[in-house]
């Protein structure tokens, strides 16, 4: 049995993983989905990390999974515990000391999206295009906003944690196109990415395929 510590992206809701959790459990693993207070301006990276570590408890040798902006917290968790592997899903791969609000320009995300044909932002086209109808209604109701603090506070990381790392990238991710993710992963981590089906929210749209990729990485 492997413990998978599941960290959400912007919004911080453990609900994001609700289709992944039963799939991992059915395969004999222990999923731990973490809820983060994304809209709390008093909570920063230290608080996010402490909450993730509290959820993990004394479970040994976890696989730490960070989706999108959750890559920031995932890297910090892996600097605090001995993890089996770090898996980043459609991630904002951070550099030590980087601010999440600066990441977009530093990585050239906007230009990469325009090159892929996704200039500007459209919720339906970029996020909801492959989401089942029942979940689409849930998502369009809106969740928690991500705090200004989390975008402005530098990541308190001096170096990337020394843990085996896998980057999973959605083949149809329209927020972080596959070619963009391949470049950033290569530049920042010296890694190739593993392409998985679905868009940016593929833990909701393609949970079986995402779980298969997580288990294979572990």
C-alpha atoms as a PDB file:
ATOM      1  CA  UNK A   1       0.000   0.000   0.000  1.00  0.00           C
ATOM      2  CA  UNK A   2       1.225   3.490  -0.884  1.00  0.00           C
ATOM      3  CA  UNK A   3       0.085   6.713   0.715  1.00  0.00           C
ATOM      4  CA  UNK A   4      -0.724   9.409  -1.828  1.00  0.00           C
ATOM      5  CA  UNK A   5      -0.796  12.909  -0.337  1.00  0.00           C
ATOM      6  CA  UNK A   6      -2.995  14.861  -2.760  1.00  0.00           C
ATOM      7  CA  UNK A   7      -2.531  18.632  -2.839  1.00  0.00           C
ATOM      8  CA  UNK A   8      -4.974  20.771  -4.859  1.00  0.00           C
ATOM      9  CA  UNK A   9      -4.217  23.782  -6.997  1.00  0.00           C
ATOM     10  CA  UNK A  10      -5.678  27.279  -6.817  1.00  0.00           C
ATOM     11  CA  UNK A  11      -8.787  27.344  -4.650  1.00  0.00           C
ATOM     12  CA  UNK A  12      -7.294  24.733  -2.353  1.00  0.00           C
ATOM     13  CA  UNK A  13     -10.278  22.386  -2.299  1.00  0.00           C
ATOM     14  CA  UNK A  14      -9.760  18.717  -1.501  1.00  0.00           C
ATOM     15  CA  UNK A  15     -12.942  18.144  -3.541  1.00  0.00           C
ATOM     16  CA  UNK A  16     -10.813  18.401  -6.669  1.00  0.00           C
ATOM     17  CA  UNK A  17      -9.524  14.894  -5.945  1.00  0.00           C
ATOM     18  CA  UNK A  18     -12.894  13.306  -5.145  1.00  0.00           C
ATOM     19  CA  UNK A  19     -12.902  11.109  -8.265  1.00  0.00           C
ATOM     20  CA  UNK A  20      -9.267  10.079  -7.779  1.00  0.00           C
ATOM     21  CA  UNK A  21      -9.631   9.070  -4.118  1.00  0.00           C
ATOM     22  CA  UNK A  22     -11.909   6.029  -4.666  1.00  0.00           C
ATOM     23  CA  UNK A  23      -9.869   4.871  -7.652  1.00  0.00           C
ATOM     24  CA  UNK A  24      -6.688   4.850  -5.565  1.00  0.00           C
ATOM     25  CA  UNK A  25      -8.455   3.143  -2.656  1.00  0.00           C
ATOM     26  CA  UNK A  26      -9.847   0.468  -4.981  1.00  0.00           C
ATOM     27  CA  UNK A  27      -6.264  -0.352  -5.955  1.00  0.00           C
ATOM     28  CA  UNK A  28      -5.267  -0.862  -2.317  1.00  0.00           C
ATOM     29  CA  UNK A  29      -3.619   2.512  -1.727  1.00  0.00           C
ATOM     30  CA  UNK A  30      -4.301   5.195   0.878  1.00  0.00           C
ATOM     31  CA  UNK A  31      -5.245   8.581  -0.586  1.00  0.00           C
ATOM     32  CA  UNK A  32      -5.055  11.640   1.669  1.00  0.00           C
ATOM     33  CA  UNK A  33      -6.665  14.667   0.020  1.00  0.00           C
ATOM     34  CA  UNK A  34      -5.703  17.943   1.677  1.00  0.00           C
ATOM     35  CA  UNK A  35      -7.926  21.014   1.950  1.00  0.00           C
ATOM     36  CA  UNK A  36      -5.990  24.301   1.991  1.00  0.00           C
ATOM     37  CA  UNK A  37      -7.339  27.708   3.122  1.00  0.00           C
ATOM     38  CA  UNK A  38      -6.683  29.337  -0.222  1.00  0.00           C
ATOM     39  CA  UNK A  39      -8.826  32.407   0.433  1.00  0.00           C
ATOM     40  CA  UNK A  40      -7.281  33.147   3.848  1.00  0.00           C
ATOM     41  CA  UNK A  41      -4.933  36.116   3.567  1.00  0.00           C
ATOM     42  CA  UNK A  42      -3.315  35.178   6.903  1.00  0.00           C
ATOM     43  CA  UNK A  43      -2.163  31.815   5.533  1.00  0.00           C
ATOM     44  CA  UNK A  44       1.017  31.529   3.477  1.00  0.00           C
ATOM     45  CA  UNK A  45       3.350  28.791   2.350  1.00  0.00           C
ATOM     46  CA  UNK A  46       4.358  27.884   5.911  1.00  0.00           C
ATOM     47  CA  UNK A  47       0.732  27.410   6.913  1.00  0.00           C
ATOM     48  CA  UNK A  48      -0.094  25.406   3.779  1.00  0.00           C
ATOM     49  CA  UNK A  49       2.878  23.137   4.423  1.00  0.00           C
ATOM     50  CA  UNK A  50       1.977  22.658   8.084  1.00  0.00           C
ATOM     51  CA  UNK A  51      -1.589  21.671   7.163  1.00  0.00           C
ATOM     52  CA  UNK A  52      -0.335  19.188   4.567  1.00  0.00           C
ATOM     53  CA  UNK A  53       2.101  17.648   7.043  1.00  0.00           C
ATOM     54  CA  UNK A  54      -0.628  17.406   9.679  1.00  0.00           C
ATOM     55  CA  UNK A  55      -2.870  15.579   7.208  1.00  0.00           C
ATOM     56  CA  UNK A  56      -0.038  13.197   6.361  1.00  0.00           C
ATOM     57  CA  UNK A  57       0.671  12.470  10.013  1.00  0.00           C
ATOM     58  CA  UNK A  58       3.170   9.696  10.643  1.00  0.00           C
ATOM     59  CA  UNK A  59       2.458   7.788   7.450  1.00  0.00           C
ATOM     60  CA  UNK A  60       5.888   6.842   6.063  1.00  0.00           C
ATOM     61  CA  UNK A  61       7.279   7.058   2.547  1.00  0.00           C
ATOM     62  CA  UNK A  62       4.434   8.959   0.853  1.00  0.00           C
ATOM     63  CA  UNK A  63       4.006   9.904  -2.762  1.00  0.00           C
ATOM     64  CA  UNK A  64       3.367  13.644  -2.694  1.00  0.00           C
ATOM     65  CA  UNK A  65       1.111  14.870  -5.506  1.00  0.00           C
ATOM     66  CA  UNK A  66       0.687  18.546  -6.375  1.00  0.00           C
ATOM     67  CA  UNK A  67      -1.768  19.777  -9.004  1.00  0.00           C
ATOM     68  CA  UNK A  68      -1.180  23.095 -10.792  1.00  0.00           C
ATOM     69  CA  UNK A  69      -0.347  25.719  -8.115  1.00  0.00           C
ATOM     70  CA  UNK A  70      -0.182  22.867  -5.610  1.00  0.00           C
ATOM     71  CA  UNK A  71       3.312  22.208  -6.946  1.00  0.00           C
ATOM     72  CA  UNK A  72       4.558  25.023  -4.695  1.00  0.00           C
ATOM     73  CA  UNK A  73       3.270  23.358  -1.522  1.00  0.00           C
ATOM     74  CA  UNK A  74       4.273  19.896  -2.742  1.00  0.00           C
ATOM     75  CA  UNK A  75       7.901  20.948  -3.136  1.00  0.00           C
ATOM     76  CA  UNK A  76       7.903  22.347   0.408  1.00  0.00           C
ATOM     77  CA  UNK A  77       6.383  19.162   1.825  1.00  0.00           C
ATOM     78  CA  UNK A  78       9.081  17.099   0.127  1.00  0.00           C
ATOM     79  CA  UNK A  79      11.703  19.330   1.730  1.00  0.00           C
ATOM     80  CA  UNK A  80      10.235  18.511   5.145  1.00  0.00           C
ATOM     81  CA  UNK A  81       9.643  14.753   4.915  1.00  0.00           C
ATOM     82  CA  UNK A  82      11.281  11.775   3.259  1.00  0.00           C
ATOM     83  CA  UNK A  83       8.977  11.076   0.325  1.00  0.00           C
ATOM     84  CA  UNK A  84       9.047   8.156  -2.065  1.00  0.00           C
ATOM     85  CA  UNK A  85       8.302  10.406  -5.023  1.00  0.00           C
ATOM     86  CA  UNK A  86       6.995  13.832  -5.945  1.00  0.00           C
ATOM     87  CA  UNK A  87       4.410  13.826  -8.723  1.00  0.00           C
ATOM     88  CA  UNK A  88       3.397  17.133 -10.301  1.00  0.00           C
ATOM     89  CA  UNK A  89       0.130  17.146 -12.259  1.00  0.00           C
ATOM     90  CA  UNK A  90      -0.335  19.937 -14.813  1.00  0.00           C
ATOM     91  CA  UNK A  91       1.929  21.943 -12.562  1.00  0.00           C
ATOM     92  CA  UNK A  92       3.172  25.445 -12.102  1.00  0.00           C
ATOM     93  CA  UNK A  93       6.748  24.201 -11.624  1.00  0.00           C
ATOM     94  CA  UNK A  94       8.308  26.760  -9.279  1.00  0.00           C
ATOM     95  CA  UNK A  95      11.865  27.919  -8.968  1.00  0.00           C
ATOM     96  CA  UNK A  96      13.268  28.391  -5.457  1.00  0.00           C
ATOM     97  CA  UNK A  97      12.339  31.833  -4.167  1.00  0.00           C
ATOM     98  CA  UNK A  98       9.876  32.478  -6.990  1.00  0.00           C
ATOM     99  CA  UNK A  99       6.559  34.255  -6.493  1.00  0.00           C
ATOM    100  CA  UNK A 100       3.538  32.538  -8.001  1.00  0.00           C
ATOM    101  CA  UNK A 101       2.378  35.877  -9.360  1.00  0.00           C
ATOM    102  CA  UNK A 102       5.620  36.237 -11.331  1.00  0.00           C
ATOM    103  CA  UNK A 103       5.692  32.648 -12.583  1.00  0.00           C
ATOM    104  CA  UNK A 104       3.401  33.353 -15.546  1.00  0.00           C
ATOM    105  CA  UNK A 105       5.648  35.962 -17.128  1.00  0.00           C
ATOM    106  CA  UNK A 106       8.893  34.260 -16.131  1.00  0.00           C
ATOM    107  CA  UNK A 107       7.908  31.018 -17.849  1.00  0.00           C
ATOM    108  CA  UNK A 108       6.333  32.682 -20.902  1.00  0.00           C
ATOM    109  CA  UNK A 109       2.977  31.019 -20.292  1.00  0.00           C
ATOM    110  CA  UNK A 110       0.898  33.622 -22.107  1.00  0.00           C
ATOM    111  CA  UNK A 111       3.008  33.480 -25.260  1.00  0.00           C
ATOM    112  CA  UNK A 112       2.957  29.676 -25.205  1.00  0.00           C
ATOM    113  CA  UNK A 113      -0.836  29.664 -24.984  1.00  0.00           C
ATOM    114  CA  UNK A 114      -1.126  32.107 -27.865  1.00  0.00           C
ATOM    115  CA  UNK A 115       1.205  29.952 -29.943  1.00  0.00           C
ATOM    116  CA  UNK A 116      -1.028  26.949 -29.210  1.00  0.00           C
ATOM    117  CA  UNK A 117      -4.080  28.911 -30.367  1.00  0.00           C
ATOM    118  CA  UNK A 118      -5.503  29.824 -26.949  1.00  0.00           C
ATOM    119  CA  UNK A 119      -4.987  33.564 -26.813  1.00  0.00           C
ATOM    120  CA  UNK A 120      -6.887  35.245 -23.979  1.00  0.00           C
ATOM    121  CA  UNK A 121      -8.832  33.260 -21.394  1.00  0.00           C
ATOM    122  CA  UNK A 122     -12.187  31.543 -21.771  1.00  0.00           C
ATOM    123  CA  UNK A 123     -13.504  29.430 -18.884  1.00  0.00           C
ATOM    124  CA  UNK A 124     -15.435  27.015 -21.085  1.00  0.00           C
ATOM    125  CA  UNK A 125     -12.690  26.537 -23.649  1.00  0.00           C
ATOM    126  CA  UNK A 126      -9.740  26.410 -21.271  1.00  0.00           C
ATOM    127  CA  UNK A 127     -11.073  24.674 -18.135  1.00  0.00           C
ATOM    128  CA  UNK A 128     -14.437  23.028 -18.701  1.00  0.00           C
ATOM    129  CA  UNK A 129     -14.133  21.605 -22.220  1.00  0.00           C
ATOM    130  CA  UNK A 130     -13.775  17.982 -21.081  1.00  0.00           C
ATOM    131  CA  UNK A 131     -15.589  18.061 -17.724  1.00  0.00           C
ATOM    132  CA  UNK A 132     -18.745  15.913 -17.242  1.00  0.00           C
ATOM    133  CA  UNK A 133     -21.962  17.927 -17.119  1.00  0.00           C
ATOM    134  CA  UNK A 134     -22.724  17.295 -13.450  1.00  0.00           C
ATOM    135  CA  UNK A 135     -19.266  18.449 -12.397  1.00  0.00           C
ATOM    136  CA  UNK A 136     -19.367  21.360 -14.819  1.00  0.00           C
ATOM    137  CA  UNK A 137     -22.367  22.743 -12.913  1.00  0.00           C
ATOM    138  CA  UNK A 138     -20.469  22.419  -9.648  1.00  0.00           C
ATOM    139  CA  UNK A 139     -17.439  24.208 -11.045  1.00  0.00           C
ATOM    140  CA  UNK A 140     -19.369  27.073 -12.606  1.00  0.00           C
ATOM    141  CA  UNK A 141     -20.911  27.867  -9.228  1.00  0.00           C
ATOM    142  CA  UNK A 142     -17.432  28.925  -8.219  1.00  0.00           C
ATOM    143  CA  UNK A 143     -15.293  28.006  -5.244  1.00  0.00           C
ATOM    144  CA  UNK A 144     -12.797  29.775  -3.061  1.00  0.00           C
ATOM    145  CA  UNK A 145     -10.624  32.505  -4.502  1.00  0.00           C
ATOM    146  CA  UNK A 146      -6.866  32.189  -4.234  1.00  0.00           C
ATOM    147  CA  UNK A 147      -5.369  34.732  -1.849  1.00  0.00           C
ATOM    148  CA  UNK A 148      -3.277  37.672  -2.976  1.00  0.00           C
ATOM    149  CA  UNK A 149      -0.707  36.633  -0.385  1.00  0.00           C
ATOM    150  CA  UNK A 150      -0.091  33.282  -2.051  1.00  0.00           C
ATOM    151  CA  UNK A 151       0.760  34.999  -5.329  1.00  0.00           C
ATOM    152  CA  UNK A 152       2.994  37.623  -3.687  1.00  0.00           C
ATOM    153  CA  UNK A 153       4.929  35.576  -1.119  1.00  0.00           C
ATOM    154  CA  UNK A 154       8.249  34.111  -2.359  1.00  0.00           C
ATOM    155  CA  UNK A 155       8.493  30.338  -2.181  1.00  0.00           C
ATOM    156  CA  UNK A 156      10.710  29.678   0.879  1.00  0.00           C
ATOM    157  CA  UNK A 157      12.786  27.024  -0.853  1.00  0.00           C
ATOM    158  CA  UNK A 158      16.549  27.278  -1.309  1.00  0.00           C
ATOM    159  CA  UNK A 159      16.861  24.309  -3.669  1.00  0.00           C
ATOM    160  CA  UNK A 160      14.599  21.739  -5.292  1.00  0.00           C
ATOM    161  CA  UNK A 161      14.115  18.795  -2.897  1.00  0.00           C
ATOM    162  CA  UNK A 162      16.233  15.745  -3.561  1.00  0.00           C
ATOM    163  CA  UNK A 163      13.362  13.387  -4.293  1.00  0.00           C
ATOM    164  CA  UNK A 164      12.567  11.482  -7.496  1.00  0.00           C
ATOM    165  CA  UNK A 165      10.124  13.639  -9.431  1.00  0.00           C
ATOM    166  CA  UNK A 166       7.603  12.911 -12.172  1.00  0.00           C
ATOM    167  CA  UNK A 167       5.743  15.537 -14.183  1.00  0.00           C
ATOM    168  CA  UNK A 168       2.345  14.531 -15.586  1.00  0.00           C
ATOM    169  CA  UNK A 169       0.965  16.867 -18.253  1.00  0.00           C
ATOM    170  CA  UNK A 170      -2.510  16.792 -19.748  1.00  0.00           C
ATOM    171  CA  UNK A 171      -2.341  16.135 -23.480  1.00  0.00           C
ATOM    172  CA  UNK A 172      -5.218  18.592 -23.952  1.00  0.00           C
ATOM    173  CA  UNK A 173      -4.333  21.087 -21.214  1.00  0.00           C
ATOM    174  CA  UNK A 174      -5.262  24.466 -22.660  1.00  0.00           C
ATOM    175  CA  UNK A 175      -3.984  26.524 -19.734  1.00  0.00           C
ATOM    176  CA  UNK A 176      -0.513  24.966 -19.783  1.00  0.00           C
ATOM    177  CA  UNK A 177      -0.152  23.457 -23.270  1.00  0.00           C
ATOM    178  CA  UNK A 178       1.838  20.248 -23.543  1.00  0.00           C
ATOM    179  CA  UNK A 179       4.722  21.820 -25.505  1.00  0.00           C
ATOM    180  CA  UNK A 180       4.991  24.527 -22.849  1.00  0.00           C
ATOM    181  CA  UNK A 181       5.085  21.990 -20.032  1.00  0.00           C
ATOM    182  CA  UNK A 182       7.751  19.983 -21.812  1.00  0.00           C
ATOM    183  CA  UNK A 183       9.946  23.073 -22.103  1.00  0.00           C
ATOM    184  CA  UNK A 184       9.469  24.240 -18.513  1.00  0.00           C
ATOM    185  CA  UNK A 185      10.026  20.764 -17.053  1.00  0.00           C
ATOM    186  CA  UNK A 186      13.197  20.397 -19.073  1.00  0.00           C
ATOM    187  CA  UNK A 187      14.504  23.866 -18.172  1.00  0.00           C
ATOM    188  CA  UNK A 188      13.654  23.750 -14.478  1.00  0.00           C
ATOM    189  CA  UNK A 189      13.970  20.092 -13.533  1.00  0.00           C
ATOM    190  CA  UNK A 190      15.859  18.501 -16.406  1.00  0.00           C
ATOM    191  CA  UNK A 191      12.925  16.116 -16.873  1.00  0.00           C
ATOM    192  CA  UNK A 192      10.708  14.911 -19.668  1.00  0.00           C
ATOM    193  CA  UNK A 193       6.988  14.926 -18.986  1.00  0.00           C
ATOM    194  CA  UNK A 194       4.573  12.012 -19.064  1.00  0.00           C
ATOM    195  CA  UNK A 195       1.547  12.945 -21.178  1.00  0.00           C
ATOM    196  CA  UNK A 196      -1.795  11.818 -19.780  1.00  0.00           C
ATOM    197  CA  UNK A 197      -5.256  12.233 -21.337  1.00  0.00           C
ATOM    198  CA  UNK A 198      -7.435  15.223 -20.575  1.00  0.00           C
ATOM    199  CA  UNK A 199      -7.210  18.909 -19.887  1.00  0.00           C
ATOM    200  CA  UNK A 200      -6.014  20.983 -16.965  1.00  0.00           C
ATOM    201  CA  UNK A 201      -8.583  19.473 -14.588  1.00  0.00           C
ATOM    202  CA  UNK A 202      -8.109  15.889 -15.701  1.00  0.00           C
ATOM    203  CA  UNK A 203      -8.404  14.490 -12.181  1.00  0.00           C
ATOM    204  CA  UNK A 204     -12.074  15.391 -12.668  1.00  0.00           C
ATOM    205  CA  UNK A 205     -12.442  14.533 -16.352  1.00  0.00           C
ATOM    206  CA  UNK A 206     -10.165  11.470 -16.632  1.00  0.00           C
ATOM    207  CA  UNK A 207      -9.659  10.134 -13.089  1.00  0.00           C
ATOM    208  CA  UNK A 208      -8.890   6.545 -14.109  1.00  0.00           C
ATOM    209  CA  UNK A 209      -6.107   7.588 -16.449  1.00  0.00           C
ATOM    210  CA  UNK A 210      -4.694  10.016 -13.887  1.00  0.00           C
ATOM    211  CA  UNK A 211      -4.690   7.314 -11.206  1.00  0.00           C
ATOM    212  CA  UNK A 212      -3.006   4.855 -13.548  1.00  0.00           C
ATOM    213  CA  UNK A 213      -0.278   7.442 -14.163  1.00  0.00           C
ATOM    214  CA  UNK A 214       0.098   8.143 -10.438  1.00  0.00           C
ATOM    215  CA  UNK A 215       0.435   4.460  -9.589  1.00  0.00           C
ATOM    216  CA  UNK A 216       2.907   3.926 -12.413  1.00  0.00           C
ATOM    217  CA  UNK A 217       4.999   6.860 -11.172  1.00  0.00           C
ATOM    218  CA  UNK A 218       4.956   5.503  -7.619  1.00  0.00           C
END
